[in-house]
Amino acid sequence: AKTAHRLLRLCGRAATHTPGAVATKLCPDFLRYLQKPETLICVT
């Protein structure tokens, strides 16, 4: 995902979706292992 993000940025793309799609495809519970920031605010 980090590699995808870097390549997309080099190509001038925003890289707001594809890195996450790559990560969750390879590891469906990817979010489980990402530590959240000190405070997490969600808006829906």
Full PDB file with SEQRES, HELIX, SHEET, SSBOND, CRYST1, ORIGX, SCALE, CONECT and MASTER records, all heavy atoms in Angstrom:
SEQRES   1 A   44  ALA LYS THR ALA HIS ARG LEU LEU ARG LEU CYS GLY ARG          
SEQRES   2 A   44  ALA ALA THR HIS THR PRO GLY ALA VAL ALA THR LYS LEU          
SEQRES   3 A   44  CYS PRO ASP PHE LEU ARG TYR LEU GLN LYS PRO GLU THR          
SEQRES   4 A   44  LEU ILE CYS VAL THR                                          
HELIX    1 AA1 LYS A    2  LEU A   10  1                                   9    
HELIX    2 AA2 THR A   18  LEU A   26  1                                   9    
HELIX    3 AA3 PHE A   30  TYR A   33  1                                   4    
CRYST1    1.000    1.000    1.000  90.00  90.00  90.00 P 1           1          
ORIGX1      1.000000  0.000000  0.000000        0.00000                         
ORIGX2      0.000000  1.000000  0.000000        0.00000                         
ORIGX3      0.000000  0.000000  1.000000        0.00000                         
SCALE1      1.000000  0.000000  0.000000        0.00000                         
SCALE2      0.000000  1.000000  0.000000        0.00000                         
SCALE3      0.000000  0.000000  1.000000        0.00000                         
ATOM      1  N   ALA A   1       0.828  -1.208   0.000  1.00  0.00           N  
ATOM      2  CA  ALA A   1       0.000   0.000   0.000  1.00  0.00           C  
ATOM      3  C   ALA A   1       0.862   1.259   0.000  1.00  0.00           C  
ATOM      4  O   ALA A   1       0.551   2.239  -0.704  1.00  0.00           O  
ATOM      5  CB  ALA A   1      -0.924  -0.008   1.214  1.00  0.00           C  
ATOM      6  N   LYS A   2       1.949   1.247   0.791  1.00  0.00           N  
ATOM      7  CA  LYS A   2       2.858   2.395   0.814  1.00  0.00           C  
ATOM      8  C   LYS A   2       3.491   2.609  -0.557  1.00  0.00           C  
ATOM      9  O   LYS A   2       3.649   3.742  -1.028  1.00  0.00           O  
ATOM     10  CB  LYS A   2       3.945   2.182   1.869  1.00  0.00           C  
ATOM     11  CG  LYS A   2       3.478   2.256   3.312  1.00  0.00           C  
ATOM     12  CD  LYS A   2       3.461   3.681   3.821  1.00  0.00           C  
ATOM     13  CE  LYS A   2       3.281   3.768   5.319  1.00  0.00           C  
ATOM     14  NZ  LYS A   2       3.158   5.160   5.794  1.00  0.00           N  
ATOM     15  N   THR A   3       3.850   1.497  -1.213  1.00  0.00           N  
ATOM     16  CA  THR A   3       4.430   1.575  -2.557  1.00  0.00           C  
ATOM     17  C   THR A   3       3.415   2.141  -3.538  1.00  0.00           C  
ATOM     18  O   THR A   3       3.734   3.009  -4.361  1.00  0.00           O  
ATOM     19  CB  THR A   3       4.898   0.188  -3.028  1.00  0.00           C  
ATOM     20  OG1 THR A   3       5.869  -0.317  -2.107  1.00  0.00           O  
ATOM     21  CG2 THR A   3       5.515   0.268  -4.420  1.00  0.00           C  
ATOM     22  N   ALA A   4       2.170   1.661  -3.463  1.00  0.00           N  
ATOM     23  CA  ALA A   4       1.112   2.163  -4.345  1.00  0.00           C  
ATOM     24  C   ALA A   4       0.889   3.655  -4.126  1.00  0.00           C  
ATOM     25  O   ALA A   4       0.715   4.423  -5.089  1.00  0.00           O  
ATOM     26  CB  ALA A   4      -0.182   1.388  -4.098  1.00  0.00           C  
ATOM     27  N   HIS A   5       0.912   4.059  -2.860  1.00  0.00           N  
ATOM     28  CA  HIS A   5       0.725   5.475  -2.547  1.00  0.00           C  
ATOM     29  C   HIS A   5       1.826   6.320  -3.165  1.00  0.00           C  
ATOM     30  O   HIS A   5       1.562   7.360  -3.798  1.00  0.00           O  
ATOM     31  CB  HIS A   5       0.705   5.669  -1.025  1.00  0.00           C  
ATOM     32  CG  HIS A   5       0.560   7.097  -0.599  1.00  0.00           C  
ATOM     33  ND1 HIS A   5       1.641   7.916  -0.360  1.00  0.00           N  
ATOM     34  CD2 HIS A   5      -0.546   7.866  -0.394  1.00  0.00           C  
ATOM     35  CE1 HIS A   5       1.217   9.115  -0.014  1.00  0.00           C  
ATOM     36  NE2 HIS A   5      -0.107   9.109  -0.020  1.00  0.00           N  
ATOM     37  N   ARG A   6       3.070   5.863  -3.028  1.00  0.00           N  
ATOM     38  CA  ARG A   6       4.195   6.642  -3.556  1.00  0.00           C  
ATOM     39  C   ARG A   6       4.134   6.727  -5.076  1.00  0.00           C  
ATOM     40  O   ARG A   6       4.352   7.801  -5.659  1.00  0.00           O  
ATOM     41  CB  ARG A   6       5.511   6.009  -3.111  1.00  0.00           C  
ATOM     42  CG  ARG A   6       6.747   6.749  -3.602  1.00  0.00           C  
ATOM     43  CD  ARG A   6       7.989   6.303  -2.899  1.00  0.00           C  
ATOM     44  NE  ARG A   6       7.951   6.628  -1.480  1.00  0.00           N  
ATOM     45  CZ  ARG A   6       8.967   6.412  -0.639  1.00  0.00           C  
ATOM     46  NH1 ARG A   6      10.083   5.849  -1.084  1.00  0.00           N  
ATOM     47  NH2 ARG A   6       8.859   6.734   0.624  1.00  0.00           N  
ATOM     48  N   LEU A   7       3.829   5.616  -5.734  1.00  0.00           N  
ATOM     49  CA  LEU A   7       3.770   5.607  -7.195  1.00  0.00           C  
ATOM     50  C   LEU A   7       2.654   6.516  -7.709  1.00  0.00           C  
ATOM     51  O   LEU A   7       2.836   7.253  -8.685  1.00  0.00           O  
ATOM     52  CB  LEU A   7       3.562   4.181  -7.704  1.00  0.00           C  
ATOM     53  CG  LEU A   7       4.750   3.224  -7.532  1.00  0.00           C  
ATOM     54  CD1 LEU A   7       4.353   1.798  -7.932  1.00  0.00           C  
ATOM     55  CD2 LEU A   7       5.932   3.695  -8.375  1.00  0.00           C  
ATOM     56  N   LEU A   8       1.500   6.459  -7.060  1.00  0.00           N  
ATOM     57  CA  LEU A   8       0.385   7.306  -7.478  1.00  0.00           C  
ATOM     58  C   LEU A   8       0.713   8.783  -7.296  1.00  0.00           C  
ATOM     59  O   LEU A   8       0.374   9.621  -8.150  1.00  0.00           O  
ATOM     60  CB  LEU A   8      -0.872   6.941  -6.689  1.00  0.00           C  
ATOM     61  CG  LEU A   8      -1.548   5.626  -7.081  1.00  0.00           C  
ATOM     62  CD1 LEU A   8      -2.574   5.214  -6.030  1.00  0.00           C  
ATOM     63  CD2 LEU A   8      -2.212   5.745  -8.443  1.00  0.00           C  
ATOM     64  N   ARG A   9       1.374   9.116  -6.203  1.00  0.00           N  
ATOM     65  CA  ARG A   9       1.747  10.509  -5.969  1.00  0.00           C  
ATOM     66  C   ARG A   9       2.763  10.989  -7.008  1.00  0.00           C  
ATOM     67  O   ARG A   9       2.700  12.129  -7.466  1.00  0.00           O  
ATOM     68  CB  ARG A   9       2.322  10.676  -4.565  1.00  0.00           C  
ATOM     69  CG  ARG A   9       1.326  10.376  -3.447  1.00  0.00           C  
ATOM     70  CD  ARG A   9       0.170  11.345  -3.424  1.00  0.00           C  
ATOM     71  NE  ARG A   9       0.573  12.664  -2.955  1.00  0.00           N  
ATOM     72  CZ  ARG A   9      -0.211  13.727  -2.951  1.00  0.00           C  
ATOM     73  NH1 ARG A   9      -1.450  13.624  -3.415  1.00  0.00           N  
ATOM     74  NH2 ARG A   9       0.224  14.889  -2.513  1.00  0.00           N  
ATOM     75  N   LEU A  10       3.698  10.098  -7.393  1.00  0.00           N  
ATOM     76  CA  LEU A  10       4.668  10.449  -8.435  1.00  0.00           C  
ATOM     77  C   LEU A  10       3.980  10.701  -9.767  1.00  0.00           C  
ATOM     78  O   LEU A  10       4.461  11.485 -10.592  1.00  0.00           O  
ATOM     79  CB  LEU A  10       5.707   9.328  -8.588  1.00  0.00           C  
ATOM     80  CG  LEU A  10       6.732   9.199  -7.457  1.00  0.00           C  
ATOM     81  CD1 LEU A  10       7.584   7.948  -7.647  1.00  0.00           C  
ATOM     82  CD2 LEU A  10       7.623  10.438  -7.399  1.00  0.00           C  
ATOM     83  N   CYS A  11       2.846  10.042  -9.969  1.00  0.00           N  
ATOM     84  CA  CYS A  11       2.074  10.218 -11.205  1.00  0.00           C  
ATOM     85  C   CYS A  11       1.093  11.390 -11.114  1.00  0.00           C  
ATOM     86  O   CYS A  11       0.296  11.611 -12.039  1.00  0.00           O  
ATOM     87  CB  CYS A  11       1.309   8.943 -11.536  1.00  0.00           C  
ATOM     88  SG  CYS A  11       2.365   7.538 -11.941  1.00  0.00           S  
ATOM     89  N   GLY A  12       1.125  12.098 -10.005  1.00  0.00           N  
ATOM     90  CA  GLY A  12       0.250  13.246  -9.840  1.00  0.00           C  
ATOM     91  C   GLY A  12      -1.150  12.908  -9.392  1.00  0.00           C  
ATOM     92  O   GLY A  12      -2.055  13.751  -9.477  1.00  0.00           O  
ATOM     93  N   ARG A  13      -1.371  11.698  -8.915  1.00  0.00           N  
ATOM     94  CA  ARG A  13      -2.694  11.279  -8.464  1.00  0.00           C  
ATOM     95  C   ARG A  13      -2.851  11.541  -6.965  1.00  0.00           C  
ATOM     96  O   ARG A  13      -1.872  11.601  -6.209  1.00  0.00           O  
ATOM     97  CB  ARG A  13      -2.898   9.784  -8.753  1.00  0.00           C  
ATOM     98  CG  ARG A  13      -2.739   9.401 -10.215  1.00  0.00           C  
ATOM     99  CD  ARG A  13      -3.950   9.818 -11.030  1.00  0.00           C  
ATOM    100  NE  ARG A  13      -5.120   9.061 -10.621  1.00  0.00           N  
ATOM    101  CZ  ARG A  13      -5.406   7.834 -11.066  1.00  0.00           C  
ATOM    102  NH1 ARG A  13      -4.608   7.229 -11.933  1.00  0.00           N  
ATOM    103  NH2 ARG A  13      -6.505   7.217 -10.657  1.00  0.00           N  
ATOM    104  N   ALA A  14      -4.116  11.635  -6.513  1.00  0.00           N  
ATOM    105  CA  ALA A  14      -4.373  11.959  -5.106  1.00  0.00           C  
ATOM    106  C   ALA A  14      -4.075  10.802  -4.164  1.00  0.00           C  
ATOM    107  O   ALA A  14      -3.765  11.002  -2.992  1.00  0.00           O  
ATOM    108  CB  ALA A  14      -5.828  12.396  -4.940  1.00  0.00           C  
ATOM    109  N   ALA A  15      -4.201   9.562  -4.652  1.00  0.00           N  
ATOM    110  CA  ALA A  15      -3.918   8.357  -3.843  1.00  0.00           C  
ATOM    111  C   ALA A  15      -4.785   8.296  -2.592  1.00  0.00           C  
ATOM    112  O   ALA A  15      -4.312   8.000  -1.500  1.00  0.00           O  
ATOM    113  CB  ALA A  15      -2.431   8.301  -3.465  1.00  0.00           C  
ATOM    114  N   THR A  16      -6.086   8.560  -2.757  1.00  0.00           N  
ATOM    115  CA  THR A  16      -6.986   8.563  -1.607  1.00  0.00           C  
ATOM    116  C   THR A  16      -7.772   7.268  -1.460  1.00  0.00           C  
ATOM    117  O   THR A  16      -8.409   7.062  -0.428  1.00  0.00           O  
ATOM    118  CB  THR A  16      -7.991   9.728  -1.719  1.00  0.00           C  
ATOM    119  OG1 THR A  16      -8.717   9.603  -2.959  1.00  0.00           O  
ATOM    120  CG2 THR A  16      -7.270  11.064  -1.685  1.00  0.00           C  
ATOM    121  N   HIS A  17      -7.761   6.407  -2.476  1.00  0.00           N  
ATOM    122  CA  HIS A  17      -8.557   5.180  -2.432  1.00  0.00           C  
ATOM    123  C   HIS A  17      -7.715   3.925  -2.683  1.00  0.00           C  
ATOM    124  O   HIS A  17      -7.795   2.955  -1.921  1.00  0.00           O  
ATOM    125  CB  HIS A  17      -9.688   5.254  -3.466  1.00  0.00           C  
ATOM    126  CG  HIS A  17     -10.491   3.985  -3.570  1.00  0.00           C  
ATOM    127  ND1 HIS A  17     -11.542   3.716  -2.719  1.00  0.00           N  
ATOM    128  CD2 HIS A  17     -10.380   2.911  -4.395  1.00  0.00           C  
ATOM    129  CE1 HIS A  17     -12.049   2.521  -3.021  1.00  0.00           C  
ATOM    130  NE2 HIS A  17     -11.371   2.024  -4.041  1.00  0.00           N  
ATOM    131  N   THR A  18      -6.912   3.940  -3.738  1.00  0.00           N  
ATOM    132  CA  THR A  18      -6.203   2.730  -4.171  1.00  0.00           C  
ATOM    133  C   THR A  18      -5.296   2.126  -3.102  1.00  0.00           C  
ATOM    134  O   THR A  18      -5.302   0.898  -2.914  1.00  0.00           O  
ATOM    135  CB  THR A  18      -5.407   3.015  -5.455  1.00  0.00           C  
ATOM    136  OG1 THR A  18      -6.322   3.449  -6.476  1.00  0.00           O  
ATOM    137  CG2 THR A  18      -4.663   1.774  -5.924  1.00  0.00           C  
ATOM    138  N   PRO A  19      -4.486   2.920  -2.366  1.00  0.00           N  
ATOM    139  CA  PRO A  19      -3.647   2.294  -1.338  1.00  0.00           C  
ATOM    140  C   PRO A  19      -4.469   1.496  -0.323  1.00  0.00           C  
ATOM    141  O   PRO A  19      -4.080   0.394   0.076  1.00  0.00           O  
ATOM    142  CB  PRO A  19      -2.947   3.485  -0.677  1.00  0.00           C  
ATOM    143  CG  PRO A  19      -2.906   4.515  -1.749  1.00  0.00           C  
ATOM    144  CD  PRO A  19      -4.192   4.361  -2.494  1.00  0.00           C  
ATOM    145  N   GLY A  20      -5.609   2.040   0.085  1.00  0.00           N  
ATOM    146  CA  GLY A  20      -6.477   1.318   1.021  1.00  0.00           C  
ATOM    147  C   GLY A  20      -7.068   0.072   0.399  1.00  0.00           C  
ATOM    148  O   GLY A  20      -7.221  -0.955   1.071  1.00  0.00           O  
ATOM    149  N   ALA A  21      -7.407   0.141  -0.887  1.00  0.00           N  
ATOM    150  CA  ALA A  21      -7.949  -1.023  -1.589  1.00  0.00           C  
ATOM    151  C   ALA A  21      -6.895  -2.132  -1.677  1.00  0.00           C  
ATOM    152  O   ALA A  21      -7.207  -3.319  -1.488  1.00  0.00           O  
ATOM    153  CB  ALA A  21      -8.421  -0.626  -2.980  1.00  0.00           C  
ATOM    154  N   VAL A  22      -5.646  -1.742  -1.943  1.00  0.00           N  
ATOM    155  CA  VAL A  22      -4.547  -2.724  -1.996  1.00  0.00           C  
ATOM    156  C   VAL A  22      -4.356  -3.370  -0.625  1.00  0.00           C  
ATOM    157  O   VAL A  22      -4.233  -4.598  -0.505  1.00  0.00           O  
ATOM    158  CB  VAL A  22      -3.236  -2.030  -2.452  1.00  0.00           C  
ATOM    159  CG1 VAL A  22      -2.040  -2.960  -2.260  1.00  0.00           C  
ATOM    160  CG2 VAL A  22      -3.351  -1.599  -3.914  1.00  0.00           C  
ATOM    161  N   ALA A  23      -4.351  -2.545   0.416  1.00  0.00           N  
ATOM    162  CA  ALA A  23      -4.112  -3.056   1.777  1.00  0.00           C  
ATOM    163  C   ALA A  23      -5.199  -4.037   2.207  1.00  0.00           C  
ATOM    164  O   ALA A  23      -4.897  -5.122   2.742  1.00  0.00           O  
ATOM    165  CB  ALA A  23      -4.034  -1.891   2.757  1.00  0.00           C  
ATOM    166  N   THR A  24      -6.461  -3.695   1.987  1.00  0.00           N  
ATOM    167  CA  THR A  24      -7.558  -4.560   2.443  1.00  0.00           C  
ATOM    168  C   THR A  24      -7.724  -5.794   1.571  1.00  0.00           C  
ATOM    169  O   THR A  24      -8.270  -6.803   2.013  1.00  0.00           O  
ATOM    170  CB  THR A  24      -8.884  -3.773   2.489  1.00  0.00           C  
ATOM    171  OG1 THR A  24      -9.124  -3.147   1.224  1.00  0.00           O  
ATOM    172  CG2 THR A  24      -8.840  -2.710   3.571  1.00  0.00           C  
ATOM    173  N   LYS A  25      -7.251  -5.723   0.328  1.00  0.00           N  
ATOM    174  CA  LYS A  25      -7.284  -6.907  -0.535  1.00  0.00           C  
ATOM    175  C   LYS A  25      -6.289  -7.945  -0.035  1.00  0.00           C  
ATOM    176  O   LYS A  25      -6.583  -9.147   0.017  1.00  0.00           O  
ATOM    177  CB  LYS A  25      -6.940  -6.506  -1.973  1.00  0.00           C  
ATOM    178  CG  LYS A  25      -6.996  -7.639  -2.992  1.00  0.00           C  
ATOM    179  CD  LYS A  25      -8.431  -8.071  -3.230  1.00  0.00           C  
ATOM    180  CE  LYS A  25      -8.516  -9.096  -4.350  1.00  0.00           C  
ATOM    181  NZ  LYS A  25      -9.916  -9.573  -4.557  1.00  0.00           N  
ATOM    182  N   LEU A  26      -5.110  -7.485   0.352  1.00  0.00           N  
ATOM    183  CA  LEU A  26      -4.057  -8.397   0.823  1.00  0.00           C  
ATOM    184  C   LEU A  26      -4.284  -8.811   2.273  1.00  0.00           C  
ATOM    185  O   LEU A  26      -3.889  -9.922   2.673  1.00  0.00           O  
ATOM    186  CB  LEU A  26      -2.688  -7.729   0.683  1.00  0.00           C  
ATOM    187  CG  LEU A  26      -2.238  -7.436  -0.755  1.00  0.00           C  
ATOM    188  CD1 LEU A  26      -0.930  -6.660  -0.756  1.00  0.00           C  
ATOM    189  CD2 LEU A  26      -2.078  -8.736  -1.546  1.00  0.00           C  
ATOM    190  N   CYS A  27      -4.898  -7.934   3.056  1.00  0.00           N  
ATOM    191  CA  CYS A  27      -5.122  -8.217   4.479  1.00  0.00           C  
ATOM    192  C   CYS A  27      -6.487  -7.665   4.866  1.00  0.00           C  
ATOM    193  O   CYS A  27      -6.611  -6.489   5.219  1.00  0.00           O  
ATOM    194  CB  CYS A  27      -4.016  -7.573   5.326  1.00  0.00           C  
ATOM    195  SG  CYS A  27      -4.153  -7.881   7.096  1.00  0.00           S  
ATOM    196  N   PRO A  28      -7.548  -8.469   4.769  1.00  0.00           N  
ATOM    197  CA  PRO A  28      -8.915  -7.973   5.007  1.00  0.00           C  
ATOM    198  C   PRO A  28      -9.107  -7.288   6.359  1.00  0.00           C  
ATOM    199  O   PRO A  28      -9.935  -6.389   6.480  1.00  0.00           O  
ATOM    200  CB  PRO A  28      -9.765  -9.242   4.891  1.00  0.00           C  
ATOM    201  CG  PRO A  28      -8.978 -10.143   3.987  1.00  0.00           C  
ATOM    202  CD  PRO A  28      -7.551  -9.885   4.334  1.00  0.00           C  
ATOM    203  N   ASP A  29      -8.360  -7.729   7.390  1.00  0.00           N  
ATOM    204  CA  ASP A  29      -8.495  -7.089   8.705  1.00  0.00           C  
ATOM    205  C   ASP A  29      -7.342  -6.114   8.964  1.00  0.00           C  
ATOM    206  O   ASP A  29      -6.881  -5.949  10.095  1.00  0.00           O  
ATOM    207  CB  ASP A  29      -8.594  -8.130   9.811  1.00  0.00           C  
ATOM    208  CG  ASP A  29      -7.402  -9.084   9.849  1.00  0.00           C  
ATOM    209  OD1 ASP A  29      -6.589  -9.083   8.894  1.00  0.00           O  
ATOM    210  OD2 ASP A  29      -7.289  -9.845  10.826  1.00  0.00           O  
ATOM    211  N   PHE A  30      -6.901  -5.453   7.917  1.00  0.00           N  
ATOM    212  CA  PHE A  30      -5.785  -4.507   7.999  1.00  0.00           C  
ATOM    213  C   PHE A  30      -6.016  -3.453   9.082  1.00  0.00           C  
ATOM    214  O   PHE A  30      -5.098  -3.100   9.822  1.00  0.00           O  
ATOM    215  CB  PHE A  30      -5.608  -3.833   6.630  1.00  0.00           C  
ATOM    216  CG  PHE A  30      -4.417  -2.941   6.511  1.00  0.00           C  
ATOM    217  CD1 PHE A  30      -3.166  -3.455   6.193  1.00  0.00           C  
ATOM    218  CD2 PHE A  30      -4.528  -1.564   6.719  1.00  0.00           C  
ATOM    219  CE1 PHE A  30      -2.057  -2.630   6.071  1.00  0.00           C  
ATOM    220  CE2 PHE A  30      -3.433  -0.738   6.607  1.00  0.00           C  
ATOM    221  CZ  PHE A  30      -2.188  -1.266   6.281  1.00  0.00           C  
ATOM    222  N   LEU A  31      -7.249  -2.957   9.188  1.00  0.00           N  
ATOM    223  CA  LEU A  31      -7.551  -1.916  10.181  1.00  0.00           C  
ATOM    224  C   LEU A  31      -7.315  -2.383  11.610  1.00  0.00           C  
ATOM    225  O   LEU A  31      -7.047  -1.576  12.500  1.00  0.00           O  
ATOM    226  CB  LEU A  31      -9.005  -1.458  10.038  1.00  0.00           C  
ATOM    227  CG  LEU A  31      -9.297  -0.279   9.107  1.00  0.00           C  
ATOM    228  CD1 LEU A  31     -10.787  -0.006   9.042  1.00  0.00           C  
ATOM    229  CD2 LEU A  31      -8.556   0.971   9.548  1.00  0.00           C  
ATOM    230  N   ARG A  32      -7.416  -3.692  11.831  1.00  0.00           N  
ATOM    231  CA  ARG A  32      -7.216  -4.224  13.176  1.00  0.00           C  
ATOM    232  C   ARG A  32      -5.822  -3.894  13.707  1.00  0.00           C  
ATOM    233  O   ARG A  32      -5.631  -3.640  14.903  1.00  0.00           O  
ATOM    234  CB  ARG A  32      -7.403  -5.742  13.164  1.00  0.00           C  
ATOM    235  CG  ARG A  32      -7.273  -6.407  14.542  1.00  0.00           C  
ATOM    236  CD  ARG A  32      -7.129  -7.926  14.419  1.00  0.00           C  
ATOM    237  NE  ARG A  32      -8.243  -8.512  13.713  1.00  0.00           N  
ATOM    238  CZ  ARG A  32      -9.401  -8.868  14.272  1.00  0.00           C  
ATOM    239  NH1 ARG A  32      -9.591  -8.634  15.558  1.00  0.00           N  
ATOM    240  NH2 ARG A  32     -10.349  -9.409  13.543  1.00  0.00           N  
ATOM    241  N   TYR A  33      -4.833  -3.879  12.815  1.00  0.00           N  
ATOM    242  CA  TYR A  33      -3.444  -3.729  13.241  1.00  0.00           C  
ATOM    243  C   TYR A  33      -2.927  -2.303  13.134  1.00  0.00           C  
ATOM    244  O   TYR A  33      -1.826  -2.008  13.596  1.00  0.00           O  
ATOM    245  CB  TYR A  33      -2.562  -4.669  12.402  1.00  0.00           C  
ATOM    246  CG  TYR A  33      -2.970  -6.111  12.560  1.00  0.00           C  
ATOM    247  CD1 TYR A  33      -3.708  -6.747  11.556  1.00  0.00           C  
ATOM    248  CD2 TYR A  33      -2.678  -6.824  13.707  1.00  0.00           C  
ATOM    249  CE1 TYR A  33      -4.114  -8.066  11.698  1.00  0.00           C  
ATOM    250  CE2 TYR A  33      -3.084  -8.138  13.861  1.00  0.00           C  
ATOM    251  CZ  TYR A  33      -3.808  -8.751  12.855  1.00  0.00           C  
ATOM    252  OH  TYR A  33      -4.219 -10.055  13.012  1.00  0.00           O  
ATOM    253  N   LEU A  34      -3.714  -1.421  12.526  1.00  0.00           N  
ATOM    254  CA  LEU A  34      -3.338  -0.014  12.491  1.00  0.00           C  
ATOM    255  C   LEU A  34      -3.715   0.630  13.825  1.00  0.00           C  
ATOM    256  O   LEU A  34      -4.872   0.582  14.231  1.00  0.00           O  
ATOM    257  CB  LEU A  34      -4.080   0.714  11.375  1.00  0.00           C  
ATOM    258  CG  LEU A  34      -3.441   0.789   9.994  1.00  0.00           C  
ATOM    259  CD1 LEU A  34      -4.373   1.511   9.040  1.00  0.00           C  
ATOM    260  CD2 LEU A  34      -2.099   1.489  10.031  1.00  0.00           C  
ATOM    261  N   GLN A  35      -2.748   1.211  14.502  1.00  0.00           N  
ATOM    262  CA  GLN A  35      -3.056   1.898  15.751  1.00  0.00           C  
ATOM    263  C   GLN A  35      -3.695   3.251  15.423  1.00  0.00           C  
ATOM    264  O   GLN A  35      -3.265   3.939  14.508  1.00  0.00           O  
ATOM    265  CB  GLN A  35      -1.788   2.107  16.573  1.00  0.00           C  
ATOM    266  CG  GLN A  35      -1.134   0.802  17.013  1.00  0.00           C  
ATOM    267  CD  GLN A  35       0.142   1.056  17.797  1.00  0.00           C  
ATOM    268  OE1 GLN A  35       0.206   1.965  18.609  1.00  0.00           O  
ATOM    269  NE2 GLN A  35       1.159   0.239  17.557  1.00  0.00           N  
ATOM    270  N   LYS A  36      -4.737   3.599  16.156  1.00  0.00           N  
ATOM    271  CA  LYS A  36      -5.415   4.858  15.873  1.00  0.00           C  
ATOM    272  C   LYS A  36      -4.674   6.020  16.538  1.00  0.00           C  
ATOM    273  O   LYS A  36      -3.917   5.818  17.502  1.00  0.00           O  
ATOM    274  CB  LYS A  36      -6.857   4.810  16.341  1.00  0.00           C  
ATOM    275  CG  LYS A  36      -7.083   4.833  17.838  1.00  0.00           C  
ATOM    276  CD  LYS A  36      -8.560   4.820  18.151  1.00  0.00           C  
ATOM    277  CE  LYS A  36      -8.838   4.893  19.653  1.00  0.00           C  
ATOM    278  NZ  LYS A  36      -8.473   6.184  20.241  1.00  0.00           N  
ATOM    279  N   PRO A  37      -4.875   7.230  16.010  1.00  0.00           N  
ATOM    280  CA  PRO A  37      -4.291   8.408  16.674  1.00  0.00           C  
ATOM    281  C   PRO A  37      -4.776   8.537  18.112  1.00  0.00           C  
ATOM    282  O   PRO A  37      -5.730   7.871  18.527  1.00  0.00           O  
ATOM    283  CB  PRO A  37      -4.795   9.567  15.804  1.00  0.00           C  
ATOM    284  CG  PRO A  37      -5.098   8.956  14.482  1.00  0.00           C  
ATOM    285  CD  PRO A  37      -5.591   7.568  14.787  1.00  0.00           C  
ATOM    286  N   GLU A  38      -4.156   9.416  18.846  1.00  0.00           N  
ATOM    287  CA  GLU A  38      -4.495   9.617  20.264  1.00  0.00           C  
ATOM    288  C   GLU A  38      -5.983   9.902  20.446  1.00  0.00           C  
ATOM    289  O   GLU A  38      -6.606   9.420  21.388  1.00  0.00           O  
ATOM    290  CB  GLU A  38      -3.664  10.786  20.811  1.00  0.00           C  
ATOM    291  CG  GLU A  38      -3.857  11.044  22.287  1.00  0.00           C  
ATOM    292  CD  GLU A  38      -3.007  12.204  22.771  1.00  0.00           C  
ATOM    293  OE1 GLU A  38      -1.976  12.491  22.124  1.00  0.00           O  
ATOM    294  OE2 GLU A  38      -3.373  12.830  23.783  1.00  0.00           O  
ATOM    295  N   THR A  39      -6.553  10.691  19.538  1.00  0.00           N  
ATOM    296  CA  THR A  39      -7.993  10.959  19.542  1.00  0.00           C  
ATOM    297  C   THR A  39      -8.540  10.718  18.150  1.00  0.00           C  
ATOM    298  O   THR A  39      -7.963  11.192  17.164  1.00  0.00           O  
ATOM    299  CB  THR A  39      -8.295  12.407  19.958  1.00  0.00           C  
ATOM    300  OG1 THR A  39      -7.738  12.656  21.257  1.00  0.00           O  
ATOM    301  CG2 THR A  39      -9.801  12.656  20.007  1.00  0.00           C  
ATOM    302  N   LEU A  40      -9.639   9.987  18.074  1.00  0.00           N  
ATOM    303  CA  LEU A  40     -10.254   9.679  16.785  1.00  0.00           C  
ATOM    304  C   LEU A  40     -11.671  10.246  16.752  1.00  0.00           C  
ATOM    305  O   LEU A  40     -12.516   9.897  17.576  1.00  0.00           O  
ATOM    306  CB  LEU A  40     -10.292   8.169  16.557  1.00  0.00           C  
ATOM    307  CG  LEU A  40     -10.890   7.700  15.226  1.00  0.00           C  
ATOM    308  CD1 LEU A  40     -10.073   8.224  14.056  1.00  0.00           C  
ATOM    309  CD2 LEU A  40     -10.953   6.174  15.172  1.00  0.00           C  
ATOM    310  N   ILE A  41     -11.920  11.148  15.797  1.00  0.00           N  
ATOM    311  CA  ILE A  41     -13.233  11.754  15.601  1.00  0.00           C  
ATOM    312  C   ILE A  41     -13.771  11.293  14.257  1.00  0.00           C  
ATOM    313  O   ILE A  41     -13.101  11.462  13.230  1.00  0.00           O  
ATOM    314  CB  ILE A  41     -13.146  13.292  15.630  1.00  0.00           C  
ATOM    315  CG1 ILE A  41     -12.561  13.778  16.955  1.00  0.00           C  
ATOM    316  CG2 ILE A  41     -14.515  13.920  15.386  1.00  0.00           C  
ATOM    317  CD1 ILE A  41     -12.222  15.270  16.970  1.00  0.00           C  
ATOM    318  N   CYS A  42     -14.956  10.718  14.246  1.00  0.00           N  
ATOM    319  CA  CYS A  42     -15.568  10.283  12.995  1.00  0.00           C  
ATOM    320  C   CYS A  42     -16.811  11.116  12.710  1.00  0.00           C  
ATOM    321  O   CYS A  42     -17.539  11.514  13.630  1.00  0.00           O  
ATOM    322  CB  CYS A  42     -15.930   8.797  13.045  1.00  0.00           C  
ATOM    323  SG  CYS A  42     -14.486   7.711  13.009  1.00  0.00           S  
ATOM    324  N   VAL A  43     -17.045  11.371  11.428  1.00  0.00           N  
ATOM    325  CA  VAL A  43     -18.169  12.205  10.985  1.00  0.00           C  
ATOM    326  C   VAL A  43     -19.009  11.401  10.010  1.00  0.00           C  
ATOM    327  O   VAL A  43     -18.486  10.869   9.025  1.00  0.00           O  
ATOM    328  CB  VAL A  43     -17.667  13.494  10.298  1.00  0.00           C  
ATOM    329  CG1 VAL A  43     -18.845  14.370   9.885  1.00  0.00           C  
ATOM    330  CG2 VAL A  43     -16.712  14.258  11.206  1.00  0.00           C  
ATOM    331  N   THR A  44     -20.304  11.302  10.272  1.00  0.00           N  
ATOM    332  CA  THR A  44     -21.184  10.555   9.385  1.00  0.00           C  
ATOM    333  C   THR A  44     -22.512  11.292   9.246  1.00  0.00           C  
ATOM    334  O   THR A  44     -22.725  12.336   9.849  1.00  0.00           O  
ATOM    335  CB  THR A  44     -21.384   9.112   9.900  1.00  0.00           C  
ATOM    336  OG1 THR A  44     -21.932   8.306   8.863  1.00  0.00           O  
ATOM    337  CG2 THR A  44     -22.293   9.069  11.111  1.00  0.00           C  
TER     338      THR A  44                                                      
MASTER        0    0    0    3    0    0    0    6  337    1    0    4          
END                                                                             
